[in-house]
PDB file of all heavy atoms in Angstrom:
ATOM      1  N   THR A   1      15.859   6.883 -50.079  1.00  0.00           N
ATOM      2  CA  THR A   1      14.476   6.826 -50.568  1.00  0.00           C
ATOM      3  C   THR A   1      14.369   6.631 -52.058  1.00  0.00           C
ATOM      4  O   THR A   1      13.566   5.877 -52.571  1.00  0.00           O
ATOM      5  CB  THR A   1      13.710   8.120 -50.084  1.00  0.00           C
ATOM      6  OG1 THR A   1      13.849   8.332 -48.747  1.00  0.00           O
ATOM      7  CG2 THR A   1      12.229   7.996 -50.440  1.00  0.00           C
ATOM      8  N   LEU A   2      15.333   7.276 -52.804  1.00  0.00           N
ATOM      9  CA  LEU A   2      15.326   7.012 -54.274  1.00  0.00           C
ATOM     10  C   LEU A   2      15.685   5.551 -54.559  1.00  0.00           C
ATOM     11  O   LEU A   2      15.019   4.973 -55.477  1.00  0.00           O
ATOM     12  CB  LEU A   2      16.375   7.897 -54.910  1.00  0.00           C
ATOM     13  CG  LEU A   2      16.035   9.273 -55.343  1.00  0.00           C
ATOM     14  CD1 LEU A   2      17.212  10.031 -55.888  1.00  0.00           C
ATOM     15  CD2 LEU A   2      14.936   9.289 -56.409  1.00  0.00           C
ATOM     16  N   LEU A   3      16.531   4.985 -53.832  1.00  0.00           N
ATOM     17  CA  LEU A   3      16.965   3.585 -54.122  1.00  0.00           C
ATOM     18  C   LEU A   3      15.949   2.570 -53.647  1.00  0.00           C
ATOM     19  O   LEU A   3      15.668   1.599 -54.374  1.00  0.00           O
ATOM     20  CB  LEU A   3      18.319   3.307 -53.418  1.00  0.00           C
ATOM     21  CG  LEU A   3      19.529   3.982 -54.015  1.00  0.00           C
ATOM     22  CD1 LEU A   3      20.735   3.794 -53.169  1.00  0.00           C
ATOM     23  CD2 LEU A   3      19.769   3.434 -55.433  1.00  0.00           C
ATOM     24  N   VAL A   4      15.366   2.739 -52.478  1.00  0.00           N
ATOM     25  CA  VAL A   4      14.446   1.652 -52.013  1.00  0.00           C
ATOM     26  C   VAL A   4      13.066   2.107 -51.570  1.00  0.00           C
ATOM     27  O   VAL A   4      12.293   1.306 -51.214  1.00  0.00           O
ATOM     28  CB  VAL A   4      15.182   0.956 -50.790  1.00  0.00           C
ATOM     29  CG1 VAL A   4      16.444   0.291 -51.145  1.00  0.00           C
ATOM     30  CG2 VAL A   4      15.334   1.984 -49.577  1.00  0.00           C
ATOM     31  N   GLY A   5      12.758   3.400 -51.767  1.00  0.00           N
ATOM     32  CA  GLY A   5      11.468   3.830 -51.378  1.00  0.00           C
ATOM     33  C   GLY A   5      10.620   4.139 -52.594  1.00  0.00           C
ATOM     34  O   GLY A   5      10.885   3.625 -53.730  1.00  0.00           O
ATOM     35  N   THR A   6       9.540   4.900 -52.410  1.00  0.00           N
ATOM     36  CA  THR A   6       8.634   5.299 -53.433  1.00  0.00           C
ATOM     37  C   THR A   6       8.657   6.801 -53.637  1.00  0.00           C
ATOM     38  O   THR A   6       9.174   7.529 -52.785  1.00  0.00           O
ATOM     39  CB  THR A   6       7.138   4.878 -53.129  1.00  0.00           C
ATOM     40  OG1 THR A   6       6.770   5.689 -51.952  1.00  0.00           O
ATOM     41  CG2 THR A   6       7.061   3.439 -52.813  1.00  0.00           C
ATOM     42  N   THR A   7       8.100   7.291 -54.771  1.00  0.00           N
ATOM     43  CA  THR A   7       8.096   8.753 -54.962  1.00  0.00           C
ATOM     44  C   THR A   7       7.295   9.409 -53.876  1.00  0.00           C
ATOM     45  O   THR A   7       7.531  10.495 -53.449  1.00  0.00           O
ATOM     46  CB  THR A   7       7.540   9.081 -56.340  1.00  0.00           C
ATOM     47  OG1 THR A   7       6.324   8.482 -56.577  1.00  0.00           O
ATOM     48  CG2 THR A   7       8.542   8.720 -57.424  1.00  0.00           C
ATOM     49  N   GLU A   8       6.239   8.750 -53.439  1.00  0.00           N
ATOM     50  CA  GLU A   8       5.358   9.294 -52.379  1.00  0.00           C
ATOM     51  C   GLU A   8       6.136   9.443 -51.072  1.00  0.00           C
ATOM     52  O   GLU A   8       6.087  10.469 -50.383  1.00  0.00           O
ATOM     53  CB  GLU A   8       4.137   8.390 -52.104  1.00  0.00           C
ATOM     54  CG  GLU A   8       3.131   8.399 -53.230  1.00  0.00           C
ATOM     55  CD  GLU A   8       3.509   7.492 -54.389  1.00  0.00           C
ATOM     56  OE1 GLU A   8       4.354   6.570 -54.208  1.00  0.00           O
ATOM     57  OE2 GLU A   8       2.969   7.777 -55.480  1.00  0.00           O
ATOM     58  N   GLU A   9       7.084   8.486 -50.814  1.00  0.00           N
ATOM     59  CA  GLU A   9       7.926   8.549 -49.614  1.00  0.00           C
ATOM     60  C   GLU A   9       8.920   9.720 -49.763  1.00  0.00           C
ATOM     61  O   GLU A   9       9.288  10.300 -48.755  1.00  0.00           O
ATOM     62  CB  GLU A   9       8.610   7.223 -49.414  1.00  0.00           C
ATOM     63  CG  GLU A   9       7.711   6.160 -48.888  1.00  0.00           C
ATOM     64  CD  GLU A   9       8.296   4.759 -48.897  1.00  0.00           C
ATOM     65  OE1 GLU A   9       9.207   4.485 -49.735  1.00  0.00           O
ATOM     66  OE2 GLU A   9       7.916   4.007 -47.999  1.00  0.00           O
ATOM     67  N   LEU A  10       9.319  10.067 -50.966  1.00  0.00           N
ATOM     68  CA  LEU A  10      10.196  11.195 -51.218  1.00  0.00           C
ATOM     69  C   LEU A  10       9.477  12.521 -50.772  1.00  0.00           C
ATOM     70  O   LEU A  10      10.144  13.291 -50.115  1.00  0.00           O
ATOM     71  CB  LEU A  10      10.583  11.292 -52.673  1.00  0.00           C
ATOM     72  CG  LEU A  10      11.696  10.481 -53.189  1.00  0.00           C
ATOM     73  CD1 LEU A  10      11.845  10.630 -54.718  1.00  0.00           C
ATOM     74  CD2 LEU A  10      13.033  10.901 -52.564  1.00  0.00           C
ATOM     75  N   TYR A  11       8.240  12.642 -51.196  1.00  0.00           N
ATOM     76  CA  TYR A  11       7.559  13.833 -50.812  1.00  0.00           C
ATOM     77  C   TYR A  11       7.136  13.913 -49.363  1.00  0.00           C
ATOM     78  O   TYR A  11       7.082  15.011 -48.793  1.00  0.00           O
ATOM     79  CB  TYR A  11       6.221  13.955 -51.663  1.00  0.00           C
ATOM     80  CG  TYR A  11       6.526  13.831 -53.195  1.00  0.00           C
ATOM     81  CD1 TYR A  11       5.765  13.029 -54.018  1.00  0.00           C
ATOM     82  CD2 TYR A  11       7.528  14.583 -53.771  1.00  0.00           C
ATOM     83  CE1 TYR A  11       5.995  12.916 -55.334  1.00  0.00           C
ATOM     84  CE2 TYR A  11       7.824  14.455 -55.103  1.00  0.00           C
ATOM     85  CZ  TYR A  11       7.038  13.662 -55.910  1.00  0.00           C
ATOM     86  OH  TYR A  11       7.308  13.526 -57.270  1.00  0.00           O
ATOM     87  N   GLU A  12       6.965  12.793 -48.687  1.00  0.00           N
ATOM     88  CA  GLU A  12       6.592  12.801 -47.277  1.00  0.00           C
ATOM     89  C   GLU A  12       7.812  12.875 -46.427  1.00  0.00           C
ATOM     90  O   GLU A  12       7.794  13.382 -45.300  1.00  0.00           O
ATOM     91  CB  GLU A  12       5.818  11.537 -46.959  1.00  0.00           C
ATOM     92  CG  GLU A  12       4.451  11.455 -47.623  1.00  0.00           C
ATOM     93  CD  GLU A  12       3.778  10.095 -47.517  1.00  0.00           C
ATOM     94  OE1 GLU A  12       4.396   9.177 -46.900  1.00  0.00           O
ATOM     95  OE2 GLU A  12       2.693   9.878 -48.105  1.00  0.00           O
ATOM     96  N   GLY A  13       8.977  12.328 -46.942  1.00  0.00           N
ATOM     97  CA  GLY A  13      10.227  12.283 -46.168  1.00  0.00           C
ATOM     98  C   GLY A  13      11.116  13.470 -46.411  1.00  0.00           C
ATOM     99  O   GLY A  13      10.863  14.604 -45.990  1.00  0.00           O
ATOM    100  N   PRO A  14      12.187  13.192 -47.130  1.00  0.00           N
ATOM    101  CA  PRO A  14      13.251  14.222 -47.349  1.00  0.00           C
ATOM    102  C   PRO A  14      12.728  15.513 -48.011  1.00  0.00           C
ATOM    103  O   PRO A  14      13.210  16.629 -47.706  1.00  0.00           O
ATOM    104  CB  PRO A  14      14.286  13.552 -48.181  1.00  0.00           C
ATOM    105  CG  PRO A  14      13.650  12.418 -48.765  1.00  0.00           C
ATOM    106  CD  PRO A  14      12.544  11.989 -47.838  1.00  0.00           C
ATOM    107  N   LEU A  15      11.687  15.402 -48.886  1.00  0.00           N
ATOM    108  CA  LEU A  15      11.246  16.632 -49.547  1.00  0.00           C
ATOM    109  C   LEU A  15       9.974  17.227 -48.857  1.00  0.00           C
ATOM    110  O   LEU A  15       9.379  18.123 -49.372  1.00  0.00           O
ATOM    111  CB  LEU A  15      10.872  16.326 -51.047  1.00  0.00           C
ATOM    112  CG  LEU A  15      12.114  15.824 -51.873  1.00  0.00           C
ATOM    113  CD1 LEU A  15      11.625  15.388 -53.223  1.00  0.00           C
ATOM    114  CD2 LEU A  15      13.130  16.949 -51.972  1.00  0.00           C
ATOM    115  N   GLY A  16       9.581  16.665 -47.771  1.00  0.00           N
ATOM    116  CA  GLY A  16       8.335  17.035 -47.081  1.00  0.00           C
ATOM    117  C   GLY A  16       8.173  18.489 -46.769  1.00  0.00           C
ATOM    118  O   GLY A  16       7.119  19.020 -46.759  1.00  0.00           O
ATOM    119  N   LYS A  17       9.315  19.153 -46.430  1.00  0.00           N
ATOM    120  CA  LYS A  17       9.165  20.582 -46.068  1.00  0.00           C
ATOM    121  C   LYS A  17       9.337  21.503 -47.192  1.00  0.00           C
ATOM    122  O   LYS A  17       9.420  22.711 -47.010  1.00  0.00           O
ATOM    123  CB  LYS A  17      10.260  20.859 -44.918  1.00  0.00           C
ATOM    124  CG  LYS A  17      11.678  20.755 -45.329  1.00  0.00           C
ATOM    125  CD  LYS A  17      12.577  21.076 -44.174  1.00  0.00           C
ATOM    126  CE  LYS A  17      14.052  21.020 -44.569  1.00  0.00           C
ATOM    127  NZ  LYS A  17      14.913  21.357 -43.434  1.00  0.00           N
ATOM    128  N   TYR A  18       9.488  20.948 -48.430  1.00  0.00           N
ATOM    129  CA  TYR A  18       9.652  21.802 -49.592  1.00  0.00           C
ATOM    130  C   TYR A  18       8.414  21.756 -50.457  1.00  0.00           C
ATOM    131  O   TYR A  18       7.721  20.767 -50.505  1.00  0.00           O
ATOM    132  CB  TYR A  18      10.840  21.302 -50.433  1.00  0.00           C
ATOM    133  CG  TYR A  18      12.147  21.335 -49.632  1.00  0.00           C
ATOM    134  CD1 TYR A  18      12.658  20.113 -49.078  1.00  0.00           C
ATOM    135  CD2 TYR A  18      12.842  22.525 -49.437  1.00  0.00           C
ATOM    136  CE1 TYR A  18      13.827  20.180 -48.322  1.00  0.00           C
ATOM    137  CE2 TYR A  18      14.020  22.579 -48.708  1.00  0.00           C
ATOM    138  CZ  TYR A  18      14.494  21.386 -48.152  1.00  0.00           C
ATOM    139  OH  TYR A  18      15.603  21.420 -47.411  1.00  0.00           O
ATOM    140  N   ASN A  19       8.185  22.880 -51.180  1.00  0.00           N
ATOM    141  CA  ASN A  19       7.131  23.019 -52.137  1.00  0.00           C
ATOM    142  C   ASN A  19       7.672  22.464 -53.484  1.00  0.00           C
ATOM    143  O   ASN A  19       8.327  23.189 -54.202  1.00  0.00           O
ATOM    144  CB  ASN A  19       6.585  24.382 -52.202  1.00  0.00           C
ATOM    145  CG  ASN A  19       5.444  24.538 -53.165  1.00  0.00           C
ATOM    146  OD1 ASN A  19       4.752  23.588 -53.501  1.00  0.00           O
ATOM    147  ND2 ASN A  19       5.205  25.733 -53.640  1.00  0.00           N
ATOM    148  N   VAL A  20       7.336  21.216 -53.759  1.00  0.00           N
ATOM    149  CA  VAL A  20       7.809  20.632 -55.040  1.00  0.00           C
ATOM    150  C   VAL A  20       6.773  20.847 -56.106  1.00  0.00           C
ATOM    151  O   VAL A  20       5.697  20.429 -56.050  1.00  0.00           O
ATOM    152  CB  VAL A  20       8.018  19.102 -54.846  1.00  0.00           C
ATOM    153  CG1 VAL A  20       8.577  18.481 -56.127  1.00  0.00           C
ATOM    154  CG2 VAL A  20       9.007  18.827 -53.703  1.00  0.00           C
ATOM    155  N   ASN A  21       7.246  21.628 -57.216  1.00  0.00           N
ATOM    156  CA  ASN A  21       6.316  21.962 -58.250  1.00  0.00           C
ATOM    157  C   ASN A  21       6.064  20.758 -59.117  1.00  0.00           C
ATOM    158  O   ASN A  21       6.782  19.737 -59.030  1.00  0.00           O
ATOM    159  CB  ASN A  21       6.773  23.181 -59.062  1.00  0.00           C
ATOM    160  CG  ASN A  21       7.996  22.923 -59.813  1.00  0.00           C
ATOM    161  OD1 ASN A  21       8.213  21.912 -60.408  1.00  0.00           O
ATOM    162  ND2 ASN A  21       8.875  23.928 -59.834  1.00  0.00           N
ATOM    163  N   ASP A  22       5.063  20.836 -60.022  1.00  0.00           N
ATOM    164  CA  ASP A  22       4.617  19.733 -60.883  1.00  0.00           C
ATOM    165  C   ASP A  22       5.742  19.252 -61.797  1.00  0.00           C
ATOM    166  O   ASP A  22       5.947  18.083 -62.036  1.00  0.00           O
ATOM    167  CB  ASP A  22       3.436  20.130 -61.704  1.00  0.00           C
ATOM    168  CG  ASP A  22       2.151  20.261 -60.852  1.00  0.00           C
ATOM    169  OD1 ASP A  22       2.156  19.690 -59.709  1.00  0.00           O
ATOM    170  OD2 ASP A  22       1.202  20.908 -61.260  1.00  0.00           O
ATOM    171  N   MET A  23       6.561  20.168 -62.356  1.00  0.00           N
ATOM    172  CA  MET A  23       7.629  19.776 -63.255  1.00  0.00           C
ATOM    173  C   MET A  23       8.726  19.042 -62.523  1.00  0.00           C
ATOM    174  O   MET A  23       9.271  18.029 -62.964  1.00  0.00           O
ATOM    175  CB  MET A  23       8.239  21.020 -63.922  1.00  0.00           C
ATOM    176  CG  MET A  23       7.317  21.682 -64.907  1.00  0.00           C
ATOM    177  SD  MET A  23       6.986  20.655 -66.355  1.00  0.00           S
ATOM    178  CE  MET A  23       8.522  20.841 -67.191  1.00  0.00           C
ATOM    179  N   ALA A  24       9.028  19.477 -61.308  1.00  0.00           N
ATOM    180  CA  ALA A  24      10.025  18.774 -60.478  1.00  0.00           C
ATOM    181  C   ALA A  24       9.507  17.347 -60.106  1.00  0.00           C
ATOM    182  O   ALA A  24      10.276  16.417 -60.079  1.00  0.00           O
ATOM    183  CB  ALA A  24      10.363  19.566 -59.183  1.00  0.00           C
ATOM    184  N   LYS A  25       8.211  17.250 -59.757  1.00  0.00           N
ATOM    185  CA  LYS A  25       7.583  15.935 -59.472  1.00  0.00           C
ATOM    186  C   LYS A  25       7.691  15.048 -60.636  1.00  0.00           C
ATOM    187  O   LYS A  25       7.998  13.835 -60.523  1.00  0.00           O
ATOM    188  CB  LYS A  25       6.133  16.157 -59.024  1.00  0.00           C
ATOM    189  CG  LYS A  25       5.981  16.692 -57.650  1.00  0.00           C
ATOM    190  CD  LYS A  25       4.509  16.779 -57.248  1.00  0.00           C
ATOM    191  CE  LYS A  25       4.377  17.354 -55.878  1.00  0.00           C
ATOM    192  NZ  LYS A  25       2.949  17.463 -55.410  1.00  0.00           N
TER     193      LYS A  25
END
């Protein structure tokens, strides 16, 4: 996802089950 996706896809896909704080975003 980092290589060929978007940041939105990161949050919906591999990071979807995690609470990603604003600094991490």
